[in-house]
C-alpha atoms as a PDB file:
ATOM      1  CA  MET A   1       0.000   0.000   0.000  1.00  0.00           C
ATOM      2  CA  THR A   2       1.463   3.341  -0.997  1.00  0.00           C
ATOM      3  CA  GLU A   3       1.542   6.213   1.443  1.00  0.00           C
ATOM      4  CA  SER A   4      -1.030   8.297  -0.398  1.00  0.00           C
ATOM      5  CA  SER A   5      -3.495   5.404  -0.555  1.00  0.00           C
ATOM      6  CA  LEU A   6      -3.646   5.463   3.242  1.00  0.00           C
ATOM      7  CA  TRP A   7      -5.836   8.529   3.078  1.00  0.00           C
ATOM      8  CA  ILE A   8      -7.130   8.586  -0.519  1.00  0.00           C
ATOM      9  CA  SER A   9      -8.648   5.097  -0.657  1.00  0.00           C
ATOM     10  CA  PRO A  10     -11.266   5.632   2.068  1.00  0.00           C
ATOM     11  CA  LEU A  11     -12.284   8.952   0.522  1.00  0.00           C
ATOM     12  CA  LEU A  12     -12.872   7.352  -2.885  1.00  0.00           C
ATOM     13  CA  ILE A  13     -15.713   5.317  -1.396  1.00  0.00           C
ATOM     14  CA  LEU A  14     -17.520   8.379   0.001  1.00  0.00           C
ATOM     15  CA  PRO A  15     -19.376   9.435  -3.191  1.00  0.00           C
ATOM     16  CA  GLY A  16     -21.020   6.013  -3.470  1.00  0.00           C
ATOM     17  CA  VAL A  17     -22.099   6.118   0.159  1.00  0.00           C
ATOM     18  CA  ALA A  18     -23.400   9.655  -0.356  1.00  0.00           C
ATOM     19  CA  LEU A  19     -25.593   8.449  -3.238  1.00  0.00           C
ATOM     20  CA  LEU A  20     -27.005   5.710  -1.024  1.00  0.00           C
ATOM     21  CA  ILE A  21     -27.788   8.310   1.651  1.00  0.00           C
ATOM     22  CA  LEU A  22     -29.446  10.594  -0.877  1.00  0.00           C
ATOM     23  CA  SER A  23     -31.659   7.884  -2.376  1.00  0.00           C
ATOM     24  CA  THR A  24     -32.519   6.375   1.014  1.00  0.00           C
ATOM     25  CA  SER A  25     -33.448   9.798   2.393  1.00  0.00           C
ATOM     26  CA  ALA A  26     -35.724  10.434  -0.601  1.00  0.00           C
ATOM     27  CA  ARG A  27     -37.432   7.077  -0.108  1.00  0.00           C
ATOM     28  CA  PHE A  28     -37.794   7.817   3.626  1.00  0.00           C
ATOM     29  CA  ASN A  29     -39.480  11.152   2.806  1.00  0.00           C
ATOM     30  CA  ARG A  30     -41.876   9.421   0.426  1.00  0.00           C
ATOM     31  CA  LEU A  31     -42.737   6.977   3.217  1.00  0.00           C
ATOM     32  CA  HIS A  32     -43.498   9.928   5.491  1.00  0.00           C
ATOM     33  CA  ASP A  33     -45.838  11.359   2.842  1.00  0.00           C
ATOM     34  CA  GLU A  34     -47.573   8.003   2.465  1.00  0.00           C
ATOM     35  CA  ILE A  35     -48.133   7.713   6.223  1.00  0.00           C
ATOM     36  CA  ASP A  36     -49.531  11.264   6.300  1.00  0.00           C
ATOM     37  CA  GLN A  37     -51.887  10.418   3.450  1.00  0.00           C
ATOM     38  CA  ILE A  38     -53.155   7.321   5.249  1.00  0.00           C
ATOM     39  CA  LEU A  39     -53.532   8.989   8.646  1.00  0.00           C
ATOM     40  CA  TYR A  40     -55.011  12.279   7.446  1.00  0.00           C
ATOM     41  CA  GLY A  41     -56.628  11.199   4.175  1.00  0.00           C
ATOM     42  CA  GLN A  42     -60.237  10.569   3.320  1.00  0.00           C
ATOM     43  CA  ARG A  43     -60.169   6.836   3.960  1.00  0.00           C
ATOM     44  CA  GLY A  44     -60.080   5.093   7.311  1.00  0.00           C
ATOM     45  CA  VAL A  45     -56.824   4.061   8.908  1.00  0.00           C
ATOM     46  CA  ASP A  46     -55.736   0.543   7.984  1.00  0.00           C
ATOM     47  CA  VAL A  47     -53.809  -0.549  11.097  1.00  0.00           C
ATOM     48  CA  PRO A  48     -51.914  -3.478   9.493  1.00  0.00           C
ATOM     49  CA  MET A  49     -50.893  -1.174   6.638  1.00  0.00           C
ATOM     50  CA  VAL A  50     -49.610   1.478   9.054  1.00  0.00           C
ATOM     51  CA  ASP A  51     -47.722  -1.180  11.019  1.00  0.00           C
ATOM     52  CA  GLY A  52     -45.985  -2.282   7.816  1.00  0.00           C
ATOM     53  CA  LEU A  53     -45.124   1.303   6.950  1.00  0.00           C
ATOM     54  CA  LEU A  54     -43.694   1.863  10.412  1.00  0.00           C
ATOM     55  CA  ARG A  55     -41.553  -1.265  10.027  1.00  0.00           C
ATOM     56  CA  ARG A  56     -40.266   0.196   6.761  1.00  0.00           C
ATOM     57  CA  GLY A  57     -39.545   3.444   8.584  1.00  0.00           C
ATOM     58  CA  ARG A  58     -37.459   1.645  11.201  1.00  0.00           C
ATOM     59  CA  LEU A  59     -35.476  -0.116   8.459  1.00  0.00           C
ATOM     60  CA  PHE A  60     -34.849   3.204   6.724  1.00  0.00           C
ATOM     61  CA  ARG A  61     -33.753   4.804   9.988  1.00  0.00           C
ATOM     62  CA  ASN A  62     -31.335   1.981  10.766  1.00  0.00           C
ATOM     63  CA  ALA A  63     -29.940   2.021   7.237  1.00  0.00           C
ATOM     64  CA  LEU A  64     -29.398   5.774   7.358  1.00  0.00           C
ATOM     65  CA  ILE A  65     -27.681   5.559  10.737  1.00  0.00           C
ATOM     66  CA  SER A  66     -25.407   2.835   9.400  1.00  0.00           C
ATOM     67  CA  LEU A  67     -24.595   4.897   6.304  1.00  0.00           C
ATOM     68  CA  TYR A  68     -23.805   7.947   8.434  1.00  0.00           C
ATOM     69  CA  VAL A  69     -21.523   5.791  10.582  1.00  0.00           C
ATOM     70  CA  ALA A  70     -19.815   4.631   7.374  1.00  0.00           C
ATOM     71  CA  VAL A  71     -19.246   8.254   6.333  1.00  0.00           C
ATOM     72  CA  ALA A  72     -17.757   9.066   9.723  1.00  0.00           C
ATOM     73  CA  LEU A  73     -15.496   6.008   9.617  1.00  0.00           C
ATOM     74  CA  LEU A  74     -14.329   6.751   6.072  1.00  0.00           C
ATOM     75  CA  ALA A  75     -13.562  10.360   6.960  1.00  0.00           C
ATOM     76  CA  LEU A  76     -11.722   9.209  10.075  1.00  0.00           C
ATOM     77  CA  ALA A  77      -9.808   6.629   8.030  1.00  0.00           C
ATOM     78  CA  GLY A  78      -8.740   9.357   5.610  1.00  0.00           C
ATOM     79  CA  LEU A  79      -7.683  11.582   8.489  1.00  0.00           C
ATOM     80  CA  THR A  80      -5.709   8.858  10.248  1.00  0.00           C
ATOM     81  CA  GLY A  81      -4.114   7.952   6.927  1.00  0.00           C
ATOM     82  CA  MET A  82      -2.879  11.507   6.583  1.00  0.00           C
ATOM     83  CA  VAL A  83      -1.544  11.448  10.140  1.00  0.00           C
ATOM     84  CA  ALA A  84       0.087   8.050   9.539  1.00  0.00           C
ATOM     85  CA  MET A  85       1.944   9.497   6.563  1.00  0.00           C
ATOM     86  CA  ARG A  86       3.326  12.277   8.762  1.00  0.00           C
ATOM     87  CA  PHE A  87       4.080  10.265  11.876  1.00  0.00           C
ATOM     88  CA  GLU A  88       5.378   6.785  11.172  1.00  0.00           C
ATOM     89  CA  ARG A  89       4.635   5.705  14.739  1.00  0.00           C
ATOM     90  CA  LEU A  90       0.950   5.478  13.879  1.00  0.00           C
ATOM     91  CA  ALA A  91       0.480   2.120  12.252  1.00  0.00           C
ATOM     92  CA  ALA A  92      -0.810   1.951   8.695  1.00  0.00           C
ATOM     93  CA  TRP A  93      -3.295  -0.722   9.720  1.00  0.00           C
ATOM     94  CA  LEU A  94      -5.548   1.819  11.467  1.00  0.00           C
ATOM     95  CA  PRO A  95      -6.837   3.544   8.290  1.00  0.00           C
ATOM     96  CA  ALA A  96      -7.285   0.134   6.650  1.00  0.00           C
ATOM     97  CA  ALA A  97      -9.214  -1.161   9.674  1.00  0.00           C
ATOM     98  CA  LEU A  98     -11.468   1.905   9.749  1.00  0.00           C
ATOM     99  CA  THR A  99     -12.118   1.546   6.030  1.00  0.00           C
ATOM    100  CA  GLY A 100     -12.999  -2.112   6.583  1.00  0.00           C
ATOM    101  CA  PHE A 101     -15.482  -1.217   9.324  1.00  0.00           C
ATOM    102  CA  ALA A 102     -16.993   1.454   7.055  1.00  0.00           C
ATOM    103  CA  VAL A 103     -17.440  -1.035   4.231  1.00  0.00           C
ATOM    104  CA  GLY A 104     -19.068  -3.391   6.737  1.00  0.00           C
ATOM    105  CA  ALA A 105     -21.505  -0.624   7.705  1.00  0.00           C
ATOM    106  CA  VAL A 106     -22.354  -0.074   4.027  1.00  0.00           C
ATOM    107  CA  VAL A 107     -22.991  -3.810   3.566  1.00  0.00           C
ATOM    108  CA  TYR A 108     -25.226  -3.820   6.656  1.00  0.00           C
ATOM    109  CA  SER A 109     -27.140  -0.826   5.246  1.00  0.00           C
ATOM    110  CA  ALA A 110     -27.557  -2.597   1.922  1.00  0.00           C
ATOM    111  CA  LEU A 111     -29.003  -5.637   3.687  1.00  0.00           C
ATOM    112  CA  LEU A 112     -31.460  -3.419   5.573  1.00  0.00           C
ATOM    113  CA  LEU A 113     -32.493  -1.730   2.337  1.00  0.00           C
ATOM    114  CA  ILE A 114     -33.039  -5.144   0.733  1.00  0.00           C
ATOM    115  CA  ARG A 115     -35.338  -6.066   3.634  1.00  0.00           C
ATOM    116  CA  GLU A 116     -37.152  -2.740   3.239  1.00  0.00           C
ATOM    117  CA  SER A 117     -37.618  -3.312  -0.492  1.00  0.00           C
ATOM    118  CA  ARG A 118     -39.151  -6.718   0.136  1.00  0.00           C
ATOM    119  CA  LEU A 119     -41.440  -5.268   2.793  1.00  0.00           C
ATOM    120  CA  SER A 120     -42.376  -2.423   0.455  1.00  0.00           C
ATOM    121  CA  LEU A 121     -43.415  -4.866  -2.251  1.00  0.00           C
ATOM    122  CA  GLY A 122     -45.614  -6.676   0.265  1.00  0.00           C
ATOM    123  CA  ILE A 123     -47.332  -3.406   1.136  1.00  0.00           C
ATOM    124  CA  ILE A 124     -47.807  -2.525  -2.543  1.00  0.00           C
ATOM    125  CA  GLU A 125     -49.340  -5.947  -3.197  1.00  0.00           C
ATOM    126  CA  SER A 126     -51.671  -5.416  -0.249  1.00  0.00           C
ATOM    127  CA  HIS A 127     -52.721  -2.017  -1.677  1.00  0.00           C
ATOM    128  CA  VAL A 128     -53.465  -3.636  -5.025  1.00  0.00           C
ATOM    129  CA  ARG A 129     -55.489  -6.461  -3.443  1.00  0.00           C
ATOM    130  CA  ASP A 130     -57.520  -3.931  -1.421  1.00  0.00           C
ATOM    131  CA  ARG A 131     -58.197  -1.840  -4.541  1.00  0.00           C
ATOM    132  CA  MET A 132     -59.239  -4.927  -6.477  1.00  0.00           C
ATOM    133  CA  LYS A 133     -61.695  -5.862  -3.696  1.00  0.00           C
ATOM    134  CA  ASP A 134     -63.102  -2.302  -3.666  1.00  0.00           C
ATOM    135  CA  SER A 135     -63.609  -2.328  -7.438  1.00  0.00           C
ATOM    136  CA  ASP A 136     -65.416  -5.700  -7.269  1.00  0.00           C
ATOM    137  CA  ASN A 137     -67.903  -4.339  -4.701  1.00  0.00           C
ATOM    138  CA  PRO A 138     -69.640  -1.280  -6.234  1.00  0.00           C
END
């Protein structure tokens, strides 16, 4: 590993993590709008539907926290890499370890978002089934 890669490598991952944060935040905001529509809309509140939406919300929250932790770890890895270049007493393994933990946090977030996507499809299918029942009963 070259000296400059101690601090550059973790920072190269940041744009990808930032895109995940941006898209996850947008999906989280859409979930908020959907919950508002159900709670304050014209139709009655469907408790199982709201429970599913709240489960999605918890998955989004956990994924976002994990992604923010990844950003912090990557920034810290870049910082320690810069310090390690200046002071040889600081071991080069520290930036690599922090980068590894950050990548682990991104993987964990991805798994949470996969769970959320599956849950979201279940809710969409439930919406469709309810609509189909309503259209069959005039």
